[in-house]
N, C-alpha and C. Protein backbone atom coordinates (compact mmCIF):
# COMPACT_ATOMS: atom_id res chain seq x y z
N UNK A 1 -61.30 -84.66 207.35
CA UNK A 1 -60.49 -84.80 206.15
C UNK A 1 -60.41 -86.28 205.78
N UNK A 2 -60.64 -86.58 204.52
CA UNK A 2 -60.63 -87.96 204.05
C UNK A 2 -59.21 -88.52 204.05
N UNK A 3 -59.10 -89.76 204.46
CA UNK A 3 -57.80 -90.44 204.45
C UNK A 3 -57.78 -91.44 203.30
N UNK A 4 -56.61 -91.98 203.07
CA UNK A 4 -56.43 -92.99 202.03
C UNK A 4 -56.83 -92.49 200.64
N UNK A 5 -56.47 -91.26 200.34
CA UNK A 5 -56.73 -90.71 199.01
C UNK A 5 -55.81 -91.38 198.00
N UNK A 6 -56.26 -91.43 196.75
CA UNK A 6 -55.40 -91.94 195.68
C UNK A 6 -54.19 -91.03 195.52
N UNK A 7 -53.05 -91.63 195.29
CA UNK A 7 -51.80 -90.90 195.09
C UNK A 7 -51.55 -90.70 193.60
N UNK A 8 -50.94 -89.57 193.25
CA UNK A 8 -50.59 -89.27 191.86
C UNK A 8 -49.07 -89.23 191.76
N UNK A 9 -48.54 -89.95 190.80
CA UNK A 9 -47.10 -90.07 190.61
C UNK A 9 -46.71 -89.70 189.18
N UNK A 10 -45.49 -89.24 189.01
CA UNK A 10 -44.84 -89.19 187.71
C UNK A 10 -43.94 -90.41 187.68
N UNK A 11 -44.10 -91.25 186.67
CA UNK A 11 -43.32 -92.48 186.55
C UNK A 11 -42.30 -92.33 185.42
N UNK A 12 -41.13 -92.87 185.64
CA UNK A 12 -40.03 -92.82 184.69
C UNK A 12 -39.73 -94.25 184.24
N UNK A 13 -39.68 -94.45 182.91
CA UNK A 13 -39.47 -95.77 182.35
C UNK A 13 -38.21 -95.83 181.48
N UNK A 14 -37.61 -97.00 181.47
CA UNK A 14 -36.51 -97.36 180.59
C UNK A 14 -37.04 -97.45 179.17
N UNK A 15 -36.30 -96.91 178.19
CA UNK A 15 -36.69 -97.04 176.78
C UNK A 15 -35.68 -97.94 176.08
N UNK A 16 -36.16 -99.04 175.53
CA UNK A 16 -35.28 -99.99 174.86
C UNK A 16 -34.42 -99.30 173.81
N UNK A 17 -33.18 -99.71 173.74
CA UNK A 17 -32.21 -99.27 172.73
C UNK A 17 -31.77 -97.81 172.90
N UNK A 18 -32.38 -97.06 173.79
CA UNK A 18 -31.96 -95.68 173.99
C UNK A 18 -31.36 -95.52 175.38
N UNK A 19 -32.11 -95.89 176.40
CA UNK A 19 -31.67 -95.68 177.78
C UNK A 19 -30.42 -96.49 178.10
N UNK A 20 -30.22 -97.62 177.44
CA UNK A 20 -29.06 -98.47 177.73
C UNK A 20 -27.79 -98.01 177.03
N UNK A 21 -27.88 -97.03 176.15
CA UNK A 21 -26.71 -96.56 175.41
C UNK A 21 -26.32 -95.17 175.92
N UNK A 22 -25.20 -95.06 176.64
CA UNK A 22 -24.81 -93.76 177.22
C UNK A 22 -24.70 -92.63 176.19
N UNK A 23 -24.29 -92.97 174.96
CA UNK A 23 -24.20 -91.91 173.93
C UNK A 23 -25.58 -91.37 173.59
N UNK A 24 -26.57 -92.26 173.49
CA UNK A 24 -27.93 -91.81 173.18
C UNK A 24 -28.56 -91.06 174.36
N UNK A 25 -28.26 -91.50 175.58
CA UNK A 25 -28.77 -90.77 176.76
C UNK A 25 -28.19 -89.36 176.76
N UNK A 26 -26.92 -89.23 176.43
CA UNK A 26 -26.30 -87.91 176.35
C UNK A 26 -26.96 -87.07 175.25
N UNK A 27 -27.23 -87.69 174.12
CA UNK A 27 -27.82 -86.98 173.00
C UNK A 27 -29.27 -86.57 173.28
N UNK A 28 -30.07 -87.50 173.83
CA UNK A 28 -31.50 -87.25 174.02
C UNK A 28 -31.83 -86.62 175.37
N UNK A 29 -30.93 -86.70 176.33
CA UNK A 29 -31.21 -86.13 177.65
C UNK A 29 -32.44 -86.77 178.27
N UNK A 30 -33.36 -85.95 178.78
CA UNK A 30 -34.56 -86.48 179.43
C UNK A 30 -35.49 -87.21 178.46
N UNK A 31 -35.38 -86.94 177.18
CA UNK A 31 -36.20 -87.64 176.18
C UNK A 31 -35.73 -89.09 176.00
N UNK A 32 -34.62 -89.47 176.62
CA UNK A 32 -34.14 -90.85 176.55
C UNK A 32 -35.00 -91.77 177.42
N UNK A 33 -35.90 -91.21 178.19
CA UNK A 33 -36.77 -91.97 179.08
C UNK A 33 -38.22 -91.76 178.67
N UNK A 34 -39.07 -92.71 179.05
CA UNK A 34 -40.50 -92.57 178.82
C UNK A 34 -41.13 -92.14 180.14
N UNK A 35 -42.06 -91.19 180.08
CA UNK A 35 -42.70 -90.63 181.27
C UNK A 35 -44.18 -90.94 181.23
N UNK A 36 -44.79 -91.12 182.40
CA UNK A 36 -46.23 -91.38 182.47
C UNK A 36 -46.76 -90.84 183.80
N UNK A 37 -48.07 -90.67 183.86
CA UNK A 37 -48.75 -90.33 185.11
C UNK A 37 -49.34 -91.62 185.65
N UNK A 38 -49.08 -91.90 186.92
CA UNK A 38 -49.59 -93.08 187.60
C UNK A 38 -50.51 -92.64 188.72
N UNK A 39 -51.64 -93.30 188.88
CA UNK A 39 -52.54 -93.04 190.00
C UNK A 39 -52.77 -94.38 190.69
N UNK A 40 -52.55 -94.40 192.00
CA UNK A 40 -52.78 -95.64 192.74
C UNK A 40 -53.25 -95.34 194.15
N UNK A 41 -53.92 -96.32 194.74
CA UNK A 41 -54.40 -96.20 196.10
C UNK A 41 -53.22 -96.27 197.06
N UNK A 42 -53.40 -95.75 198.26
CA UNK A 42 -52.36 -95.85 199.28
C UNK A 42 -52.02 -97.32 199.48
N UNK A 43 -50.75 -97.61 199.52
CA UNK A 43 -50.33 -98.98 199.73
C UNK A 43 -50.04 -99.75 198.46
N UNK A 44 -50.30 -99.13 197.30
CA UNK A 44 -49.84 -99.77 196.08
C UNK A 44 -50.86 -100.21 195.09
N UNK A 45 -50.66 -101.40 194.59
CA UNK A 45 -51.26 -101.85 193.36
C UNK A 45 -52.67 -102.36 193.54
N UNK A 46 -53.45 -102.52 192.47
CA UNK A 46 -53.10 -102.14 191.10
C UNK A 46 -53.16 -100.64 190.88
N UNK A 47 -52.54 -100.21 189.81
CA UNK A 47 -52.41 -98.80 189.50
C UNK A 47 -53.11 -98.47 188.20
N UNK A 48 -53.17 -97.19 187.91
CA UNK A 48 -53.75 -96.71 186.66
C UNK A 48 -52.71 -95.83 185.99
N UNK A 49 -52.47 -96.06 184.71
CA UNK A 49 -51.38 -95.39 184.00
C UNK A 49 -51.95 -94.59 182.83
N UNK A 50 -51.45 -93.37 182.67
CA UNK A 50 -51.87 -92.47 181.60
C UNK A 50 -50.62 -91.95 180.91
N UNK A 51 -50.52 -92.14 179.59
CA UNK A 51 -49.36 -91.65 178.87
C UNK A 51 -49.67 -91.45 177.39
N UNK A 52 -48.74 -90.82 176.71
CA UNK A 52 -48.82 -90.59 175.27
C UNK A 52 -47.56 -91.17 174.66
N UNK A 53 -47.73 -91.99 173.62
CA UNK A 53 -46.59 -92.60 172.94
C UNK A 53 -46.74 -92.41 171.45
N UNK A 54 -45.60 -92.34 170.77
CA UNK A 54 -45.62 -92.33 169.31
C UNK A 54 -45.53 -93.77 168.84
N UNK A 55 -46.63 -94.30 168.34
CA UNK A 55 -46.69 -95.69 167.87
C UNK A 55 -46.12 -95.81 166.46
N UNK A 56 -45.52 -96.95 166.20
CA UNK A 56 -44.98 -97.24 164.87
C UNK A 56 -46.10 -97.44 163.86
N UNK A 57 -45.80 -97.12 162.62
CA UNK A 57 -46.76 -97.32 161.52
C UNK A 57 -46.52 -98.69 160.88
N UNK A 58 -47.61 -99.39 160.57
CA UNK A 58 -47.56 -100.64 159.85
C UNK A 58 -48.60 -100.55 158.73
N UNK A 59 -48.25 -99.87 157.62
CA UNK A 59 -49.23 -99.64 156.55
C UNK A 59 -49.87 -100.91 156.00
N UNK A 60 -49.11 -102.00 155.91
CA UNK A 60 -49.66 -103.24 155.36
C UNK A 60 -50.81 -103.77 156.22
N UNK A 61 -50.79 -103.46 157.52
CA UNK A 61 -51.84 -103.90 158.42
C UNK A 61 -52.88 -102.81 158.65
N UNK A 62 -52.74 -101.68 157.96
CA UNK A 62 -53.69 -100.59 158.12
C UNK A 62 -53.50 -99.77 159.38
N UNK A 63 -52.30 -99.83 159.97
CA UNK A 63 -52.01 -99.08 161.19
C UNK A 63 -51.20 -97.85 160.80
N UNK A 64 -51.79 -96.68 161.00
CA UNK A 64 -51.16 -95.43 160.55
C UNK A 64 -50.02 -95.00 161.44
N UNK A 65 -50.03 -95.38 162.70
CA UNK A 65 -49.00 -94.92 163.63
C UNK A 65 -49.27 -93.49 164.07
N UNK A 66 -48.27 -92.87 164.65
CA UNK A 66 -48.40 -91.50 165.16
C UNK A 66 -48.66 -91.51 166.66
N UNK A 67 -48.94 -90.34 167.19
CA UNK A 67 -49.13 -90.19 168.63
C UNK A 67 -50.46 -90.79 169.06
N UNK A 68 -50.41 -91.51 170.17
CA UNK A 68 -51.62 -92.13 170.71
C UNK A 68 -51.63 -92.00 172.23
N UNK A 69 -52.77 -91.63 172.75
CA UNK A 69 -52.98 -91.52 174.19
C UNK A 69 -53.39 -92.90 174.70
N UNK A 70 -52.74 -93.35 175.77
CA UNK A 70 -53.02 -94.66 176.35
C UNK A 70 -53.50 -94.50 177.78
N UNK A 71 -54.58 -95.17 178.10
CA UNK A 71 -55.09 -95.24 179.47
C UNK A 71 -55.18 -96.70 179.82
N UNK A 72 -54.53 -97.08 180.91
CA UNK A 72 -54.57 -98.47 181.36
C UNK A 72 -54.98 -98.48 182.83
N UNK A 73 -56.05 -99.18 183.13
CA UNK A 73 -56.54 -99.29 184.50
C UNK A 73 -56.20 -100.66 185.07
N UNK A 74 -55.87 -100.70 186.34
CA UNK A 74 -55.60 -101.96 187.02
C UNK A 74 -54.32 -102.64 186.59
N UNK A 75 -53.28 -101.85 186.30
CA UNK A 75 -52.01 -102.42 185.85
C UNK A 75 -51.06 -102.61 187.03
N UNK A 76 -50.14 -103.52 186.87
CA UNK A 76 -49.07 -103.69 187.84
C UNK A 76 -47.84 -102.97 187.31
N UNK A 77 -46.95 -102.61 188.21
CA UNK A 77 -45.75 -101.92 187.78
C UNK A 77 -44.92 -102.84 186.89
N UNK A 78 -44.42 -102.28 185.80
CA UNK A 78 -43.62 -103.09 184.87
C UNK A 78 -42.16 -103.07 185.29
N UNK A 79 -41.43 -104.04 184.77
CA UNK A 79 -40.01 -104.12 185.06
C UNK A 79 -39.21 -102.98 184.45
N UNK A 80 -39.81 -102.26 183.49
CA UNK A 80 -39.09 -101.15 182.87
C UNK A 80 -39.24 -99.84 183.65
N UNK A 81 -40.06 -99.84 184.73
CA UNK A 81 -40.20 -98.63 185.53
C UNK A 81 -38.94 -98.44 186.37
N UNK A 82 -38.31 -97.29 186.21
CA UNK A 82 -37.10 -96.98 186.96
C UNK A 82 -37.40 -96.28 188.27
N UNK A 83 -38.42 -95.43 188.26
CA UNK A 83 -38.76 -94.67 189.47
C UNK A 83 -40.15 -94.08 189.33
N UNK A 84 -40.73 -93.76 190.46
CA UNK A 84 -41.97 -92.98 190.46
C UNK A 84 -41.88 -92.00 191.62
N UNK A 85 -42.35 -90.80 191.36
CA UNK A 85 -42.26 -89.72 192.33
C UNK A 85 -43.66 -89.22 192.62
N UNK A 86 -44.05 -89.27 193.89
CA UNK A 86 -45.39 -88.80 194.24
C UNK A 86 -45.43 -87.28 194.13
N UNK A 87 -46.41 -86.79 193.39
CA UNK A 87 -46.55 -85.34 193.20
C UNK A 87 -47.79 -84.79 193.87
N UNK A 88 -48.64 -85.67 194.42
CA UNK A 88 -49.82 -85.19 195.12
C UNK A 88 -50.83 -86.29 195.37
N UNK A 89 -51.97 -85.85 195.92
CA UNK A 89 -53.08 -86.76 196.20
C UNK A 89 -54.32 -86.20 195.52
N UNK A 90 -55.21 -87.11 195.12
CA UNK A 90 -56.45 -86.68 194.48
C UNK A 90 -57.46 -86.24 195.54
N UNK A 91 -58.24 -85.21 195.23
CA UNK A 91 -59.34 -84.87 196.12
C UNK A 91 -60.32 -86.04 196.17
N UNK A 92 -61.07 -86.18 197.27
CA UNK A 92 -61.97 -87.33 197.40
C UNK A 92 -63.03 -87.42 196.31
N UNK A 93 -63.38 -86.32 195.67
CA UNK A 93 -64.44 -86.35 194.65
C UNK A 93 -63.92 -86.68 193.25
N UNK A 94 -62.63 -86.96 193.10
CA UNK A 94 -62.07 -87.32 191.78
C UNK A 94 -61.45 -88.70 191.88
N UNK A 95 -61.89 -89.61 191.00
CA UNK A 95 -61.31 -90.95 190.96
C UNK A 95 -60.40 -91.07 189.74
N UNK A 96 -59.88 -92.28 189.51
CA UNK A 96 -58.95 -92.48 188.40
C UNK A 96 -59.60 -92.20 187.05
N UNK A 97 -60.90 -92.44 186.92
CA UNK A 97 -61.57 -92.15 185.65
C UNK A 97 -61.67 -90.64 185.42
N UNK A 98 -61.82 -89.88 186.49
CA UNK A 98 -61.81 -88.42 186.38
C UNK A 98 -60.45 -87.92 185.93
N UNK A 99 -59.39 -88.55 186.42
CA UNK A 99 -58.04 -88.20 185.98
C UNK A 99 -57.89 -88.51 184.50
N UNK A 100 -58.38 -89.67 184.09
CA UNK A 100 -58.31 -90.04 182.67
C UNK A 100 -59.04 -89.04 181.80
N UNK A 101 -60.19 -88.56 182.26
CA UNK A 101 -60.95 -87.56 181.50
C UNK A 101 -60.17 -86.24 181.39
N UNK A 102 -59.53 -85.84 182.50
CA UNK A 102 -58.76 -84.59 182.48
C UNK A 102 -57.55 -84.67 181.57
N UNK A 103 -56.89 -85.84 181.56
CA UNK A 103 -55.67 -85.99 180.78
C UNK A 103 -55.92 -86.36 179.33
N UNK A 104 -57.11 -86.82 179.01
CA UNK A 104 -57.43 -87.22 177.65
C UNK A 104 -57.16 -86.06 176.70
N UNK A 105 -56.27 -86.28 175.73
CA UNK A 105 -55.87 -85.17 174.87
C UNK A 105 -56.94 -84.80 173.85
N UNK A 106 -57.05 -83.54 173.61
CA UNK A 106 -57.92 -83.06 172.55
C UNK A 106 -57.14 -82.95 171.24
N UNK A 107 -55.87 -82.59 171.36
CA UNK A 107 -54.99 -82.45 170.20
C UNK A 107 -53.66 -83.11 170.53
N UNK A 108 -53.32 -84.16 169.81
CA UNK A 108 -52.03 -84.82 170.00
C UNK A 108 -50.99 -84.17 169.10
N UNK A 109 -49.71 -84.24 169.49
CA UNK A 109 -48.67 -83.69 168.62
C UNK A 109 -48.60 -84.44 167.29
N UNK A 110 -48.08 -83.78 166.28
CA UNK A 110 -47.86 -84.43 164.99
C UNK A 110 -46.73 -85.43 165.14
N UNK A 111 -46.72 -86.50 164.35
CA UNK A 111 -45.63 -87.47 164.44
C UNK A 111 -44.30 -86.82 164.09
N UNK A 112 -43.27 -87.26 164.78
CA UNK A 112 -41.92 -86.78 164.50
C UNK A 112 -41.16 -87.85 163.74
N UNK A 113 -40.58 -87.48 162.64
CA UNK A 113 -39.74 -88.38 161.90
C UNK A 113 -38.32 -87.89 162.06
N UNK A 114 -37.42 -88.80 162.45
CA UNK A 114 -36.05 -88.44 162.79
C UNK A 114 -36.05 -87.31 163.83
N UNK A 115 -36.68 -87.55 164.99
CA UNK A 115 -36.78 -86.49 165.98
C UNK A 115 -35.42 -86.09 166.52
N UNK A 116 -35.25 -84.84 166.75
CA UNK A 116 -34.05 -84.31 167.36
C UNK A 116 -34.45 -83.66 168.67
N UNK A 117 -33.79 -84.01 169.76
CA UNK A 117 -34.17 -83.42 171.04
C UNK A 117 -33.87 -81.93 171.08
N UNK A 118 -34.71 -81.21 171.77
CA UNK A 118 -34.48 -79.78 172.00
C UNK A 118 -33.49 -79.68 173.15
N UNK A 119 -32.27 -79.19 172.92
CA UNK A 119 -31.25 -79.16 173.96
C UNK A 119 -31.67 -78.38 175.21
N UNK A 120 -32.50 -77.36 175.04
CA UNK A 120 -32.91 -76.57 176.21
C UNK A 120 -33.93 -77.30 177.06
N UNK A 121 -34.72 -78.19 176.47
CA UNK A 121 -35.77 -78.89 177.22
C UNK A 121 -35.30 -80.23 177.77
N UNK A 122 -34.24 -80.78 177.24
CA UNK A 122 -33.85 -82.15 177.57
C UNK A 122 -32.44 -82.25 178.11
N UNK A 123 -32.10 -81.41 179.05
CA UNK A 123 -30.75 -81.46 179.61
C UNK A 123 -30.74 -82.26 180.91
N UNK A 124 -29.71 -83.06 181.07
CA UNK A 124 -29.50 -83.78 182.31
C UNK A 124 -28.49 -83.02 183.16
N UNK A 125 -28.71 -83.08 184.45
CA UNK A 125 -27.76 -82.53 185.41
C UNK A 125 -27.69 -81.07 185.33
């Protein structure tokens, strides 16, 4: 059995202006945080991060905004990471690029304007 397999984590991040306001955390529940998949070798860094974010639109600069899939290889943990939870290990025949291929979205969600959290999906405690 191969040792030192890459670890797979779910990472939880602080979201500016939302996570620091208890009223907004109560309103948004789990959506008050940003979530990502992290893959790293045993013992730590650098890591590989996979996530989807809704980017802001800047029409004057030709940036449409909307949902965008982000893959970052060789990153260090940011100060906004609150926690990471190991959910498994990769089989020896799959590397971080294979994870990126599996997670690469074929269809991203439509942009949300004035998003309202779904109370059933975003409850704390």
